[in-house]
Amino acid sequence: MAYIGRDVTYGLFEVQYITANSSTTSFTLDYAVGAASSILVVYGGVIQEPDTAYSITSGGTTITFSEAPVTGTTTYIVYMAKQLTVATVADNSITTAKLANNSVTSAKIVDGTITRADLSFDPEDDATALAIALG
């Protein structure tokens, strides 16, 4: 099938098929979306209108059709813009084992963000910065 427009630069369009039973109107989405216009819904080969033929509920995790899709009718969703979710790192969860070598710089030592107990010292690496920090 031909595509009109710019090529996708990164990633691809994910597709989810819906198994209809002529009575269910709500289906769980494979990916959370921010709005009904973030997906393309095709029912029986016909593109459905967002917020008319379907809506997004449950914080973007459920699609609810205005009428139940009929059993045997091909229904699928193309994710045009998946919601970006970023994990938040819990307080006090990063240990020194997760720090790259030489990631503790002179500037960090001098501005006081690192305590004496946090330091491991190699005299050949940065003796001047350590002397300043320890005063």
N, C-alpha and C. Protein backbone atom coordinates (compact mmCIF):
# COMPACT_ATOMS: atom_id res chain seq x y z
N MET A 1 0.84 -1.17 0.00
CA MET A 1 0.00 0.00 0.00
C MET A 1 0.89 1.23 0.00
N ALA A 2 0.59 2.21 -0.81
CA ALA A 2 1.38 3.43 -0.92
C ALA A 2 1.15 4.30 0.30
N TYR A 3 2.15 5.10 0.61
CA TYR A 3 2.09 6.02 1.75
C TYR A 3 2.40 7.41 1.25
N ILE A 4 1.54 8.36 1.55
CA ILE A 4 1.76 9.74 1.15
C ILE A 4 2.23 10.51 2.37
N GLY A 5 3.35 11.18 2.25
CA GLY A 5 3.88 11.97 3.36
C GLY A 5 5.32 11.59 3.63
N ARG A 6 5.88 12.23 4.66
CA ARG A 6 7.26 11.94 5.03
C ARG A 6 7.36 10.55 5.64
N ASP A 7 8.50 9.91 5.41
CA ASP A 7 8.74 8.61 6.01
C ASP A 7 8.91 8.75 7.51
N VAL A 8 8.63 7.68 8.23
CA VAL A 8 8.84 7.65 9.67
C VAL A 8 10.34 7.65 9.90
N THR A 9 10.83 8.60 10.70
CA THR A 9 12.26 8.74 10.94
C THR A 9 12.74 7.74 11.98
N TYR A 10 11.98 7.58 13.05
CA TYR A 10 12.36 6.69 14.14
C TYR A 10 11.19 5.76 14.47
N GLY A 11 11.50 4.52 14.75
CA GLY A 11 10.47 3.58 15.18
C GLY A 11 9.56 3.14 14.06
N LEU A 12 8.37 2.73 14.44
CA LEU A 12 7.38 2.28 13.48
C LEU A 12 6.01 2.46 14.07
N PHE A 13 5.00 2.30 13.25
CA PHE A 13 3.64 2.39 13.73
C PHE A 13 3.20 1.03 14.24
N GLU A 14 2.92 0.94 15.53
CA GLU A 14 2.44 -0.31 16.13
C GLU A 14 0.97 -0.52 15.74
N VAL A 15 0.58 -1.78 15.55
CA VAL A 15 -0.79 -2.11 15.17
C VAL A 15 -1.35 -3.10 16.19
N GLN A 16 -2.60 -2.88 16.59
CA GLN A 16 -3.30 -3.77 17.52
C GLN A 16 -4.62 -4.20 16.87
N TYR A 17 -4.86 -5.50 16.80
CA TYR A 17 -6.11 -6.01 16.26
C TYR A 17 -7.10 -6.24 17.39
N ILE A 18 -8.35 -5.90 17.15
CA ILE A 18 -9.42 -6.08 18.12
C ILE A 18 -10.25 -7.30 17.72
N THR A 19 -10.50 -8.18 18.68
CA THR A 19 -11.37 -9.33 18.43
C THR A 19 -12.77 -8.97 18.91
N ALA A 20 -13.64 -8.69 17.96
CA ALA A 20 -14.99 -8.24 18.29
C ALA A 20 -15.93 -9.42 18.54
N ASN A 21 -16.96 -9.16 19.40
CA ASN A 21 -17.96 -10.20 19.67
C ASN A 21 -19.39 -9.67 19.57
N SER A 22 -19.57 -8.53 18.94
CA SER A 22 -20.86 -7.89 18.72
C SER A 22 -21.53 -7.35 19.98
N SER A 23 -20.87 -7.45 21.15
CA SER A 23 -21.47 -6.90 22.36
C SER A 23 -20.51 -6.05 23.18
N THR A 24 -19.22 -6.35 23.13
CA THR A 24 -18.25 -5.59 23.91
C THR A 24 -17.92 -4.28 23.21
N THR A 25 -17.94 -3.19 23.99
CA THR A 25 -17.62 -1.88 23.42
C THR A 25 -16.27 -1.34 23.91
N SER A 26 -15.75 -1.85 25.03
CA SER A 26 -14.50 -1.36 25.59
C SER A 26 -13.40 -2.40 25.49
N PHE A 27 -12.22 -1.96 25.06
CA PHE A 27 -11.07 -2.85 24.89
C PHE A 27 -9.83 -2.17 25.47
N THR A 28 -8.97 -2.97 26.08
CA THR A 28 -7.73 -2.45 26.64
C THR A 28 -6.73 -2.22 25.51
N LEU A 29 -6.12 -1.05 25.52
CA LEU A 29 -5.11 -0.72 24.51
C LEU A 29 -3.77 -1.33 24.88
N ASP A 30 -3.00 -1.71 23.87
CA ASP A 30 -1.65 -2.23 24.10
C ASP A 30 -0.72 -1.15 24.65
N TYR A 31 -0.98 0.11 24.27
CA TYR A 31 -0.16 1.24 24.70
C TYR A 31 -1.09 2.36 25.15
N ALA A 32 -0.73 3.04 26.22
CA ALA A 32 -1.51 4.20 26.66
C ALA A 32 -1.33 5.33 25.65
N VAL A 33 -2.40 6.07 25.40
CA VAL A 33 -2.34 7.20 24.48
C VAL A 33 -2.91 8.43 25.18
N GLY A 34 -2.50 9.60 24.70
CA GLY A 34 -2.92 10.84 25.32
C GLY A 34 -4.26 11.36 24.83
N ALA A 35 -4.68 10.95 23.63
CA ALA A 35 -5.93 11.46 23.06
C ALA A 35 -6.43 10.50 21.99
N ALA A 36 -7.72 10.61 21.67
CA ALA A 36 -8.32 9.76 20.64
C ALA A 36 -7.66 9.98 19.28
N SER A 37 -7.16 11.19 19.06
CA SER A 37 -6.52 11.50 17.78
C SER A 37 -5.10 10.94 17.68
N SER A 38 -4.62 10.29 18.74
CA SER A 38 -3.28 9.70 18.72
C SER A 38 -3.27 8.32 18.08
N ILE A 39 -4.45 7.81 17.75
CA ILE A 39 -4.55 6.50 17.11
C ILE A 39 -5.42 6.61 15.86
N LEU A 40 -5.22 5.66 14.97
CA LEU A 40 -6.05 5.54 13.77
C LEU A 40 -6.81 4.24 13.91
N VAL A 41 -8.13 4.32 13.96
CA VAL A 41 -8.95 3.12 14.12
C VAL A 41 -9.61 2.80 12.79
N VAL A 42 -9.43 1.55 12.36
CA VAL A 42 -10.01 1.10 11.09
C VAL A 42 -10.98 -0.04 11.40
N TYR A 43 -12.22 0.12 10.97
CA TYR A 43 -13.27 -0.87 11.21
C TYR A 43 -13.85 -1.28 9.85
N GLY A 44 -13.64 -2.53 9.47
CA GLY A 44 -14.15 -3.01 8.19
C GLY A 44 -13.59 -2.24 7.01
N GLY A 45 -12.34 -1.77 7.13
CA GLY A 45 -11.71 -1.03 6.05
C GLY A 45 -12.04 0.45 6.03
N VAL A 46 -12.82 0.93 7.00
CA VAL A 46 -13.22 2.33 7.04
C VAL A 46 -12.58 2.99 8.26
N ILE A 47 -11.90 4.11 8.04
CA ILE A 47 -11.29 4.86 9.13
C ILE A 47 -12.40 5.48 9.97
N GLN A 48 -12.29 5.33 11.28
CA GLN A 48 -13.30 5.84 12.21
C GLN A 48 -12.92 7.22 12.72
N GLU A 49 -13.92 8.04 12.99
CA GLU A 49 -13.68 9.41 13.45
C GLU A 49 -13.44 9.43 14.96
N PRO A 50 -12.30 10.02 15.38
CA PRO A 50 -12.01 10.11 16.82
C PRO A 50 -13.09 10.91 17.56
N ASP A 51 -13.37 10.53 18.78
CA ASP A 51 -14.34 11.18 19.66
C ASP A 51 -15.77 11.11 19.14
N THR A 52 -16.00 10.41 18.05
CA THR A 52 -17.36 10.17 17.56
C THR A 52 -17.63 8.67 17.53
N ALA A 53 -16.82 7.94 16.79
CA ALA A 53 -16.97 6.48 16.70
C ALA A 53 -16.36 5.79 17.92
N TYR A 54 -15.42 6.45 18.56
CA TYR A 54 -14.75 5.88 19.73
C TYR A 54 -14.19 6.99 20.60
N SER A 55 -13.92 6.65 21.85
CA SER A 55 -13.28 7.59 22.77
C SER A 55 -12.22 6.83 23.57
N ILE A 56 -11.34 7.58 24.18
CA ILE A 56 -10.28 7.00 25.01
C ILE A 56 -10.65 7.28 26.46
N THR A 57 -10.63 6.23 27.28
CA THR A 57 -10.99 6.36 28.68
C THR A 57 -9.93 5.72 29.57
N SER A 58 -10.15 5.75 30.85
CA SER A 58 -9.26 5.13 31.85
C SER A 58 -7.83 5.64 31.74
N GLY A 59 -7.69 6.94 31.60
CA GLY A 59 -6.35 7.53 31.54
C GLY A 59 -5.57 7.16 30.30
N GLY A 60 -6.26 6.87 29.21
CA GLY A 60 -5.59 6.56 27.95
C GLY A 60 -5.29 5.10 27.73
N THR A 61 -5.82 4.22 28.57
CA THR A 61 -5.52 2.79 28.45
C THR A 61 -6.66 1.96 27.86
N THR A 62 -7.81 2.58 27.64
CA THR A 62 -8.99 1.86 27.13
C THR A 62 -9.62 2.61 25.98
N ILE A 63 -10.01 1.88 24.94
CA ILE A 63 -10.79 2.46 23.84
C ILE A 63 -12.23 1.98 24.03
N THR A 64 -13.17 2.93 23.92
CA THR A 64 -14.58 2.60 24.05
C THR A 64 -15.28 3.04 22.77
N PHE A 65 -15.86 2.06 22.08
CA PHE A 65 -16.57 2.33 20.82
C PHE A 65 -17.98 2.79 21.13
N SER A 66 -18.54 3.67 20.28
CA SER A 66 -19.91 4.12 20.47
C SER A 66 -20.90 2.98 20.18
N GLU A 67 -20.51 2.05 19.33
CA GLU A 67 -21.29 0.84 19.06
C GLU A 67 -20.34 -0.35 19.05
N ALA A 68 -20.80 -1.49 19.54
CA ALA A 68 -19.94 -2.68 19.61
C ALA A 68 -19.54 -3.14 18.22
N PRO A 69 -18.24 -3.36 18.00
CA PRO A 69 -17.80 -3.91 16.70
C PRO A 69 -18.42 -5.29 16.49
N VAL A 70 -18.82 -5.57 15.25
CA VAL A 70 -19.51 -6.81 14.91
C VAL A 70 -18.51 -7.96 14.75
N THR A 71 -18.87 -9.10 15.27
CA THR A 71 -18.05 -10.30 15.16
C THR A 71 -17.67 -10.55 13.70
N GLY A 72 -16.40 -10.83 13.46
CA GLY A 72 -15.93 -11.14 12.12
C GLY A 72 -15.50 -9.93 11.30
N THR A 73 -15.80 -8.73 11.78
CA THR A 73 -15.38 -7.53 11.07
C THR A 73 -13.98 -7.16 11.52
N THR A 74 -13.06 -7.03 10.56
CA THR A 74 -11.69 -6.70 10.89
C THR A 74 -11.63 -5.30 11.49
N THR A 75 -11.09 -5.24 12.70
CA THR A 75 -10.96 -3.97 13.41
C THR A 75 -9.54 -3.88 13.94
N TYR A 76 -8.87 -2.78 13.62
CA TYR A 76 -7.51 -2.62 14.13
C TYR A 76 -7.21 -1.17 14.44
N ILE A 77 -6.17 -1.00 15.27
CA ILE A 77 -5.74 0.32 15.73
C ILE A 77 -4.29 0.51 15.32
N VAL A 78 -3.99 1.66 14.74
CA VAL A 78 -2.62 2.02 14.42
C VAL A 78 -2.23 3.14 15.38
N TYR A 79 -1.18 2.92 16.15
CA TYR A 79 -0.72 3.92 17.11
C TYR A 79 0.14 4.94 16.38
N MET A 80 -0.38 6.16 16.27
CA MET A 80 0.31 7.23 15.56
C MET A 80 1.24 8.01 16.49
N ALA A 81 0.89 8.08 17.75
CA ALA A 81 1.67 8.84 18.72
C ALA A 81 1.50 8.20 20.08
N LYS A 82 2.39 7.30 20.42
CA LYS A 82 2.30 6.64 21.71
C LYS A 82 2.73 7.60 22.81
N GLN A 83 2.08 7.48 23.96
CA GLN A 83 2.39 8.32 25.10
C GLN A 83 3.77 7.95 25.65
N LEU A 84 4.58 8.97 25.88
CA LEU A 84 5.91 8.75 26.43
C LEU A 84 5.81 8.68 27.94
N THR A 85 6.26 7.58 28.51
CA THR A 85 6.27 7.46 29.96
C THR A 85 7.71 7.33 30.41
N VAL A 86 8.04 8.08 31.44
CA VAL A 86 9.40 8.10 31.96
C VAL A 86 9.36 7.69 33.42
N ALA A 87 10.17 6.72 33.77
CA ALA A 87 10.21 6.27 35.16
C ALA A 87 10.89 7.31 36.03
N THR A 88 10.42 7.42 37.25
CA THR A 88 11.04 8.31 38.22
C THR A 88 11.89 7.47 39.16
N VAL A 89 13.13 7.87 39.33
CA VAL A 89 14.04 7.16 40.21
C VAL A 89 13.71 7.52 41.65
N ALA A 90 13.54 6.51 42.48
CA ALA A 90 13.21 6.74 43.88
C ALA A 90 14.37 7.38 44.63
N ASP A 91 14.05 8.17 45.63
CA ASP A 91 15.09 8.78 46.47
C ASP A 91 15.94 7.70 47.12
N ASN A 92 17.22 7.98 47.25
CA ASN A 92 18.18 7.09 47.91
C ASN A 92 18.29 5.71 47.26
N SER A 93 18.04 5.63 45.97
CA SER A 93 18.09 4.33 45.30
C SER A 93 19.33 4.13 44.42
N ILE A 94 20.10 5.18 44.18
CA ILE A 94 21.30 5.06 43.36
C ILE A 94 22.50 4.89 44.28
N THR A 95 23.25 3.85 44.04
CA THR A 95 24.42 3.56 44.86
C THR A 95 25.69 3.89 44.09
N THR A 96 26.82 3.88 44.78
CA THR A 96 28.09 4.17 44.13
C THR A 96 28.43 3.12 43.07
N ALA A 97 27.88 1.92 43.18
CA ALA A 97 28.13 0.89 42.18
C ALA A 97 27.55 1.29 40.82
N LYS A 98 26.56 2.19 40.81
CA LYS A 98 25.94 2.63 39.56
C LYS A 98 26.63 3.84 38.94
N LEU A 99 27.62 4.42 39.62
CA LEU A 99 28.33 5.59 39.11
C LEU A 99 29.50 5.16 38.23
N ALA A 100 29.65 5.82 37.11
CA ALA A 100 30.76 5.53 36.21
C ALA A 100 32.06 6.01 36.82
N ASN A 101 33.14 5.37 36.45
CA ASN A 101 34.45 5.82 36.91
C ASN A 101 34.66 7.27 36.52
N ASN A 102 35.26 8.02 37.41
CA ASN A 102 35.55 9.44 37.20
C ASN A 102 34.31 10.31 37.02
N SER A 103 33.15 9.86 37.49
CA SER A 103 31.96 10.69 37.37
C SER A 103 31.86 11.71 38.50
N VAL A 104 32.67 11.56 39.54
CA VAL A 104 32.72 12.54 40.61
C VAL A 104 33.85 13.51 40.26
N THR A 105 33.45 14.73 39.92
CA THR A 105 34.42 15.71 39.43
C THR A 105 34.88 16.67 40.52
N SER A 106 35.94 17.41 40.23
CA SER A 106 36.46 18.41 41.16
C SER A 106 35.38 19.41 41.54
N ALA A 107 34.60 19.84 40.56
CA ALA A 107 33.56 20.84 40.83
C ALA A 107 32.55 20.32 41.84
N LYS A 108 32.18 19.07 41.75
CA LYS A 108 31.22 18.50 42.69
C LYS A 108 31.82 18.41 44.08
N ILE A 109 33.10 18.12 44.15
CA ILE A 109 33.76 18.03 45.45
C ILE A 109 33.87 19.42 46.07
N VAL A 110 34.24 20.40 45.29
CA VAL A 110 34.44 21.76 45.80
C VAL A 110 33.13 22.39 46.25
N ASP A 111 32.03 22.14 45.50
CA ASP A 111 30.77 22.81 45.89
C ASP A 111 30.08 22.14 47.07
N GLY A 112 30.67 21.08 47.61
CA GLY A 112 30.17 20.50 48.84
C GLY A 112 29.06 19.48 48.67
N THR A 113 28.80 19.02 47.45
CA THR A 113 27.73 18.04 47.27
C THR A 113 28.17 16.63 47.61
N ILE A 114 29.45 16.44 47.88
CA ILE A 114 29.96 15.13 48.25
C ILE A 114 30.62 15.25 49.62
N THR A 115 30.32 14.34 50.51
CA THR A 115 30.90 14.39 51.85
C THR A 115 32.19 13.60 51.90
N ARG A 116 32.95 13.80 52.96
CA ARG A 116 34.21 13.11 53.15
C ARG A 116 34.00 11.59 53.11
N ALA A 117 32.90 11.11 53.69
CA ALA A 117 32.64 9.67 53.74
C ALA A 117 32.38 9.08 52.35
N ASP A 118 31.95 9.91 51.41
CA ASP A 118 31.65 9.43 50.06
C ASP A 118 32.89 9.25 49.19
N LEU A 119 34.00 9.79 49.62
CA LEU A 119 35.18 9.84 48.77
C LEU A 119 36.03 8.59 48.85
N SER A 120 36.50 8.13 47.73
CA SER A 120 37.60 7.18 47.69
C SER A 120 38.71 7.92 46.97
N PHE A 121 39.91 7.84 47.44
CA PHE A 121 40.96 8.73 46.98
C PHE A 121 42.10 7.96 46.31
N ASP A 122 42.48 8.41 45.14
CA ASP A 122 43.66 7.91 44.44
C ASP A 122 44.57 9.13 44.28
N PRO A 123 45.71 9.17 44.98
CA PRO A 123 46.57 10.36 44.97
C PRO A 123 46.97 10.83 43.58
N GLU A 124 47.01 9.93 42.62
CA GLU A 124 47.43 10.33 41.27
C GLU A 124 46.29 10.94 40.48
N ASP A 125 45.04 10.76 40.91
CA ASP A 125 43.91 11.27 40.14
C ASP A 125 43.66 12.76 40.35
N ASP A 126 43.35 13.16 41.58
CA ASP A 126 42.95 14.55 41.78
C ASP A 126 43.24 15.01 43.20
N ALA A 127 44.48 15.06 43.56
CA ALA A 127 44.89 15.42 44.91
C ALA A 127 44.55 16.87 45.24
N THR A 128 44.62 17.76 44.28
CA THR A 128 44.35 19.18 44.52
C THR A 128 42.91 19.40 44.91
N ALA A 129 41.98 18.80 44.16
CA ALA A 129 40.56 18.96 44.46
C ALA A 129 40.21 18.37 45.81
N LEU A 130 40.80 17.26 46.15
CA LEU A 130 40.54 16.64 47.44
C LEU A 130 41.06 17.52 48.57
N ALA A 131 42.21 18.10 48.40
CA ALA A 131 42.78 18.97 49.43
C ALA A 131 41.87 20.19 49.65
N ILE A 132 41.31 20.73 48.58
CA ILE A 132 40.41 21.88 48.69
C ILE A 132 39.14 21.45 49.42
N ALA A 133 38.59 20.31 49.06
CA ALA A 133 37.34 19.84 49.64
C ALA A 133 37.48 19.53 51.11
N LEU A 134 38.60 18.97 51.52
CA LEU A 134 38.81 18.59 52.90
C LEU A 134 39.29 19.74 53.76
N GLY A 135 39.75 20.79 53.09
CA GLY A 135 40.15 22.02 53.74
C GLY A 135 41.26 21.83 54.72
